[in-house]
PDB file of N, CA and C in Angstrom:
ATOM      1  N   MET A   1     -65.076 -45.777  54.422  1.00  0.00           N
ATOM      2  CA  MET A   1     -63.802 -46.110  55.235  1.00  0.00           C
ATOM      3  C   MET A   1     -63.099 -45.582  55.254  1.00  0.00           C
ATOM      4  N   SER A   2     -62.243 -45.567  56.882  1.00  0.00           N
ATOM      5  CA  SER A   2     -61.201 -44.336  57.295  1.00  0.00           C
ATOM      6  C   SER A   2     -60.285 -44.984  57.974  1.00  0.00           C
ATOM      7  N   ASN A   3     -59.569 -44.421  58.070  1.00  0.00           N
ATOM      8  CA  ASN A   3     -58.134 -45.392  58.878  1.00  0.00           C
ATOM      9  C   ASN A   3     -57.650 -44.547  60.195  1.00  0.00           C
ATOM     10  N   VAL A   4     -57.588 -45.250  61.036  1.00  0.00           N
ATOM     11  CA  VAL A   4     -57.022 -45.068  62.029  1.00  0.00           C
ATOM     12  C   VAL A   4     -55.106 -45.214  62.259  1.00  0.00           C
ATOM     13  N   ASN A   5     -54.614 -44.771  63.325  1.00  0.00           N
ATOM     14  CA  ASN A   5     -53.265 -45.447  63.536  1.00  0.00           C
ATOM     15  C   ASN A   5     -53.283 -46.169  65.289  1.00  0.00           C
ATOM     16  N   CYS A   6     -52.896 -47.094  65.598  1.00  0.00           N
ATOM     17  CA  CYS A   6     -53.155 -47.620  66.568  1.00  0.00           C
ATOM     18  C   CYS A   6     -52.501 -46.870  67.875  1.00  0.00           C
ATOM     19  N   THR A   7     -52.743 -46.295  69.025  1.00  0.00           N
ATOM     20  CA  THR A   7     -52.138 -45.768  69.848  1.00  0.00           C
ATOM     21  C   THR A   7     -51.023 -46.385  70.455  1.00  0.00           C
ATOM     22  N   GLU A   8     -50.976 -47.954  70.482  1.00  0.00           N
ATOM     23  CA  GLU A   8     -49.743 -48.491  71.180  1.00  0.00           C
ATOM     24  C   GLU A   8     -48.565 -48.323  70.183  1.00  0.00           C
ATOM     25  N   CYS A   9     -49.001 -48.584  68.906  1.00  0.00           N
ATOM     26  CA  CYS A   9     -47.773 -49.292  67.858  1.00  0.00           C
ATOM     27  C   CYS A   9     -47.700 -48.683  66.678  1.00  0.00           C
ATOM     28  N   GLU A  10     -48.773 -47.507  66.552  1.00  0.00           N
ATOM     29  CA  GLU A  10     -48.874 -46.640  65.396  1.00  0.00           C
ATOM     30  C   GLU A  10     -49.238 -47.474  64.162  1.00  0.00           C
ATOM     31  N   ALA A  11     -49.785 -48.624  64.128  1.00  0.00           N
ATOM     32  CA  ALA A  11     -50.116 -49.396  62.881  1.00  0.00           C
ATOM     33  C   ALA A  11     -51.097 -48.819  62.378  1.00  0.00           C
ATOM     34  N   GLU A  12     -51.395 -48.622  60.873  1.00  0.00           N
ATOM     35  CA  GLU A  12     -52.561 -48.628  60.321  1.00  0.00           C
ATOM     36  C   GLU A  12     -53.388 -49.221  60.526  1.00  0.00           C
ATOM     37  N   ILE A  13     -54.923 -48.661  60.670  1.00  0.00           N
ATOM     38  CA  ILE A  13     -56.213 -49.990  60.919  1.00  0.00           C
ATOM     39  C   ILE A  13     -57.177 -49.462  60.118  1.00  0.00           C
ATOM     40  N   THR A  14     -57.856 -49.964  58.914  1.00  0.00           N
ATOM     41  CA  THR A  14     -59.107 -49.589  58.297  1.00  0.00           C
ATOM     42  C   THR A  14     -60.320 -49.987  59.325  1.00  0.00           C
ATOM     43  N   LEU A  15     -60.937 -49.011  59.289  1.00  0.00           N
ATOM     44  CA  LEU A  15     -62.411 -49.225  60.091  1.00  0.00           C
ATOM     45  C   LEU A  15     -63.348 -49.713  58.806  1.00  0.00           C
ATOM     46  N   GLU A  16     -63.962 -50.623  59.094  1.00  0.00           N
ATOM     47  CA  GLU A  16     -65.394 -51.139  57.809  1.00  0.00           C
ATOM     48  C   GLU A  16     -66.381 -49.777  57.851  1.00  0.00           C
ATOM     49  N   ALA A  17     -67.161 -49.820  56.988  1.00  0.00           N
ATOM     50  CA  ALA A  17     -68.107 -49.044  56.821  1.00  0.00           C
ATOM     51  C   ALA A  17     -69.332 -49.092  57.738  1.00  0.00           C
ATOM     52  N   ASN A  18     -69.260 -50.319  58.490  1.00  0.00           N
ATOM     53  CA  ASN A  18     -70.130 -50.150  59.492  1.00  0.00           C
ATOM     54  C   ASN A  18     -70.297 -49.897  60.711  1.00  0.00           C
ATOM     55  N   THR A  19     -68.917 -49.519  61.146  1.00  0.00           N
ATOM     56  CA  THR A  19     -68.411 -49.032  62.351  1.00  0.00           C
ATOM     57  C   THR A  19     -68.647 -48.119  63.243  1.00  0.00           C
ATOM     58  N   GLU A  20     -69.166 -48.446  64.329  1.00  0.00           N
ATOM     59  CA  GLU A  20     -69.932 -47.294  65.472  1.00  0.00           C
ATOM     60  C   GLU A  20     -68.893 -47.115  66.175  1.00  0.00           C
ATOM     61  N   VAL A  21     -69.249 -45.610  66.867  1.00  0.00           N
ATOM     62  CA  VAL A  21     -68.579 -45.174  68.040  1.00  0.00           C
ATOM     63  C   VAL A  21     -68.994 -46.109  69.350  1.00  0.00           C
ATOM     64  N   GLY A  22     -68.286 -45.925  70.006  1.00  0.00           N
ATOM     65  CA  GLY A  22     -67.897 -47.592  71.437  1.00  0.00           C
ATOM     66  C   GLY A  22     -67.791 -48.614  70.763  1.00  0.00           C
ATOM     67  N   GLU A  23     -67.314 -48.976  69.940  1.00  0.00           N
ATOM     68  CA  GLU A  23     -67.051 -50.219  69.401  1.00  0.00           C
ATOM     69  C   GLU A  23     -65.947 -50.584  69.810  1.00  0.00           C
ATOM     70  N   ILE A  24     -65.506 -51.443  69.857  1.00  0.00           N
ATOM     71  CA  ILE A  24     -64.048 -52.642  70.370  1.00  0.00           C
ATOM     72  C   ILE A  24     -63.209 -52.965  69.075  1.00  0.00           C
ATOM     73  N   ILE A  25     -62.221 -52.718  68.865  1.00  0.00           N
ATOM     74  CA  ILE A  25     -61.448 -53.415  67.565  1.00  0.00           C
ATOM     75  C   ILE A  25     -60.370 -53.684  68.130  1.00  0.00           C
ATOM     76  N   VAL A  26     -59.750 -54.611  67.758  1.00  0.00           N
ATOM     77  CA  VAL A  26     -57.978 -54.952  68.187  1.00  0.00           C
ATOM     78  C   VAL A  26     -57.364 -54.810  66.959  1.00  0.00           C
ATOM     79  N   CYS A  27     -56.162 -54.091  67.272  1.00  0.00           N
ATOM     80  CA  CYS A  27     -55.477 -53.685  66.523  1.00  0.00           C
ATOM     81  C   CYS A  27     -54.498 -55.420  65.596  1.00  0.00           C
ATOM     82  N   PRO A  28     -54.412 -55.199  64.283  1.00  0.00           N
ATOM     83  CA  PRO A  28     -53.984 -56.420  63.944  1.00  0.00           C
ATOM     84  C   PRO A  28     -52.580 -56.573  64.550  1.00  0.00           C
ATOM     85  N   ASP A  29     -51.586 -55.984  64.363  1.00  0.00           N
ATOM     86  CA  ASP A  29     -50.157 -55.929  64.729  1.00  0.00           C
ATOM     87  C   ASP A  29     -49.769 -56.315  66.225  1.00  0.00           C
ATOM     88  N   CYS A  30     -50.578 -55.251  67.198  1.00  0.00           N
ATOM     89  CA  CYS A  30     -50.137 -55.583  68.672  1.00  0.00           C
ATOM     90  C   CYS A  30     -51.005 -56.171  69.323  1.00  0.00           C
ATOM     91  N   GLY A  31     -52.241 -56.450  68.668  1.00  0.00           N
ATOM     92  CA  GLY A  31     -53.286 -57.480  69.585  1.00  0.00           C
ATOM     93  C   GLY A  31     -53.831 -56.051  70.985  1.00  0.00           C
ATOM     94  N   VAL A  32     -53.578 -54.971  70.899  1.00  0.00           N
ATOM     95  CA  VAL A  32     -54.270 -54.299  71.825  1.00  0.00           C
ATOM     96  C   VAL A  32     -56.000 -53.886  71.696  1.00  0.00           C
ATOM     97  N   ASP A  33     -56.790 -53.713  72.369  1.00  0.00           N
ATOM     98  CA  ASP A  33     -57.846 -53.514  72.366  1.00  0.00           C
ATOM     99  C   ASP A  33     -58.052 -52.154  72.245  1.00  0.00           C
ATOM    100  N   LEU A  34     -58.832 -51.268  71.084  1.00  0.00           N
ATOM    101  CA  LEU A  34     -59.219 -50.011  70.986  1.00  0.00           C
ATOM    102  C   LEU A  34     -60.511 -49.499  70.861  1.00  0.00           C
ATOM    103  N   GLU A  35     -60.897 -48.663  71.458  1.00  0.00           N
ATOM    104  CA  GLU A  35     -62.252 -48.177  71.344  1.00  0.00           C
ATOM    105  C   GLU A  35     -62.374 -46.771  70.652  1.00  0.00           C
ATOM    106  N   ILE A  36     -63.401 -46.950  69.640  1.00  0.00           N
ATOM    107  CA  ILE A  36     -63.747 -46.140  68.691  1.00  0.00           C
ATOM    108  C   ILE A  36     -64.253 -45.075  69.482  1.00  0.00           C
ATOM    109  N   ILE A  37     -63.707 -43.763  69.459  1.00  0.00           N
ATOM    110  CA  ILE A  37     -64.301 -42.596  69.703  1.00  0.00           C
ATOM    111  C   ILE A  37     -65.087 -41.352  69.313  1.00  0.00           C
ATOM    112  N   SER A  38     -64.433 -41.782  68.138  1.00  0.00           N
ATOM    113  CA  SER A  38     -65.116 -40.511  67.131  1.00  0.00           C
ATOM    114  C   SER A  38     -65.064 -41.243  65.558  1.00  0.00           C
ATOM    115  N   LEU A  39     -66.026 -40.936  64.910  1.00  0.00           N
ATOM    116  CA  LEU A  39     -65.883 -41.395  63.454  1.00  0.00           C
ATOM    117  C   LEU A  39     -65.658 -40.091  62.469  1.00  0.00           C
ATOM    118  N   ASN A  40     -66.081 -38.961  62.740  1.00  0.00           N
ATOM    119  CA  ASN A  40     -65.537 -37.744  61.719  1.00  0.00           C
ATOM    120  C   ASN A  40     -65.103 -36.932  63.165  1.00  0.00           C
ATOM    121  N   PRO A  41     -63.493 -36.602  62.706  1.00  0.00           N
ATOM    122  CA  PRO A  41     -62.571 -37.695  62.266  1.00  0.00           C
ATOM    123  C   PRO A  41     -62.710 -39.008  62.846  1.00  0.00           C
ATOM    124  N   ALA A  42     -62.020 -39.887  62.238  1.00  0.00           N
ATOM    125  CA  ALA A  42     -61.980 -41.204  62.871  1.00  0.00           C
ATOM    126  C   ALA A  42     -60.712 -41.166  63.621  1.00  0.00           C
ATOM    127  N   LYS A  43     -61.195 -41.467  65.329  1.00  0.00           N
ATOM    128  CA  LYS A  43     -59.738 -41.503  66.489  1.00  0.00           C
ATOM    129  C   LYS A  43     -60.645 -42.735  67.383  1.00  0.00           C
ATOM    130  N   VAL A  44     -58.968 -43.370  67.584  1.00  0.00           N
ATOM    131  CA  VAL A  44     -59.260 -44.371  68.797  1.00  0.00           C
ATOM    132  C   VAL A  44     -58.457 -43.896  70.159  1.00  0.00           C
ATOM    133  N   GLU A  45     -58.896 -44.702  71.021  1.00  0.00           N
ATOM    134  CA  GLU A  45     -58.192 -44.588  72.112  1.00  0.00           C
ATOM    135  C   GLU A  45     -58.076 -46.091  73.174  1.00  0.00           C
ATOM    136  N   LEU A  46     -57.099 -46.146  73.921  1.00  0.00           N
ATOM    137  CA  LEU A  46     -56.949 -47.541  74.771  1.00  0.00           C
ATOM    138  C   LEU A  46     -58.583 -48.039  75.213  1.00  0.00           C
ATOM    139  N   ALA A  47     -58.870 -48.901  74.913  1.00  0.00           N
ATOM    140  CA  ALA A  47     -60.093 -49.543  75.269  1.00  0.00           C
ATOM    141  C   ALA A  47     -59.840 -49.632  77.016  1.00  0.00           C
ATOM    142  N   PRO A  48     -60.862 -49.199  78.030  1.00  0.00           N
ATOM    143  CA  PRO A  48     -60.724 -49.617  79.452  1.00  0.00           C
ATOM    144  C   PRO A  48     -60.662 -50.937  79.600  1.00  0.00           C
ATOM    145  N   MET A  49     -59.994 -51.415  80.430  1.00  0.00           N
ATOM    146  CA  MET A  49     -59.767 -52.558  80.887  1.00  0.00           C
ATOM    147  C   MET A  49     -60.921 -53.322  81.941  1.00  0.00           C
ATOM    148  N   GLU A  50     -61.307 -54.199  81.222  1.00  0.00           N
ATOM    149  CA  GLU A  50     -62.546 -54.919  82.126  1.00  0.00           C
ATOM    150  C   GLU A  50     -62.289 -54.883  83.244  1.00  0.00           C
ATOM    151  N   GLN A  51     -63.234 -54.668  84.240  1.00  0.00           N
ATOM    152  CA  GLN A  51     -63.264 -55.012  85.634  1.00  0.00           C
ATOM    153  C   GLN A  51     -63.494 -56.483  86.237  1.00  0.00           C
ATOM    154  N   GLU A  52     -63.093 -57.119  86.568  1.00  0.00           N
ATOM    155  CA  GLU A  52     -63.266 -58.354  86.676  1.00  0.00           C
ATOM    156  C   GLU A  52     -64.068 -58.548  87.976  1.00  0.00           C
ATOM    157  N   ASP A  53     -65.141 -59.311  87.894  1.00  0.00           N
ATOM    158  CA  ASP A  53     -66.238 -59.541  89.596  1.00  0.00           C
ATOM    159  C   ASP A  53     -65.888 -60.539  89.591  1.00  0.00           C
ATOM    160  N   TRP A  54     -65.206 -60.820  91.056  1.00  0.00           N
ATOM    161  CA  TRP A  54     -64.899 -61.958  91.564  1.00  0.00           C
ATOM    162  C   TRP A  54     -65.996 -62.333  92.821  1.00  0.00           C
ATOM    163  N   GLY A  55     -66.958 -61.932  92.628  1.00  0.00           N
ATOM    164  CA  GLY A  55     -68.449 -62.456  93.318  1.00  0.00           C
ATOM    165  C   GLY A  55     -67.938 -61.545  94.520  1.00  0.00           C
ATOM    166  N   GLU A  56     -67.716 -60.421  94.618  1.00  0.00           N
ATOM    167  CA  GLU A  56     -68.048 -59.701  95.523  1.00  0.00           C
ATOM    168  C   GLU A  56     -69.379 -58.523  95.443  1.00  0.00           C
TER     169      GLU A  56
END
């Protein structure tokens, strides 16, 4: 397991042992979605906002 800091509120988040690159996690403090971009070293960035498809 490793720890990362939220890019929004700097809260420390513990990553589970089975965490994978590309996985989306939620900060337990501020609720923002974070994407895991690296495991060694562990790094996260804000997850891209999903584009809504309004039937276009």
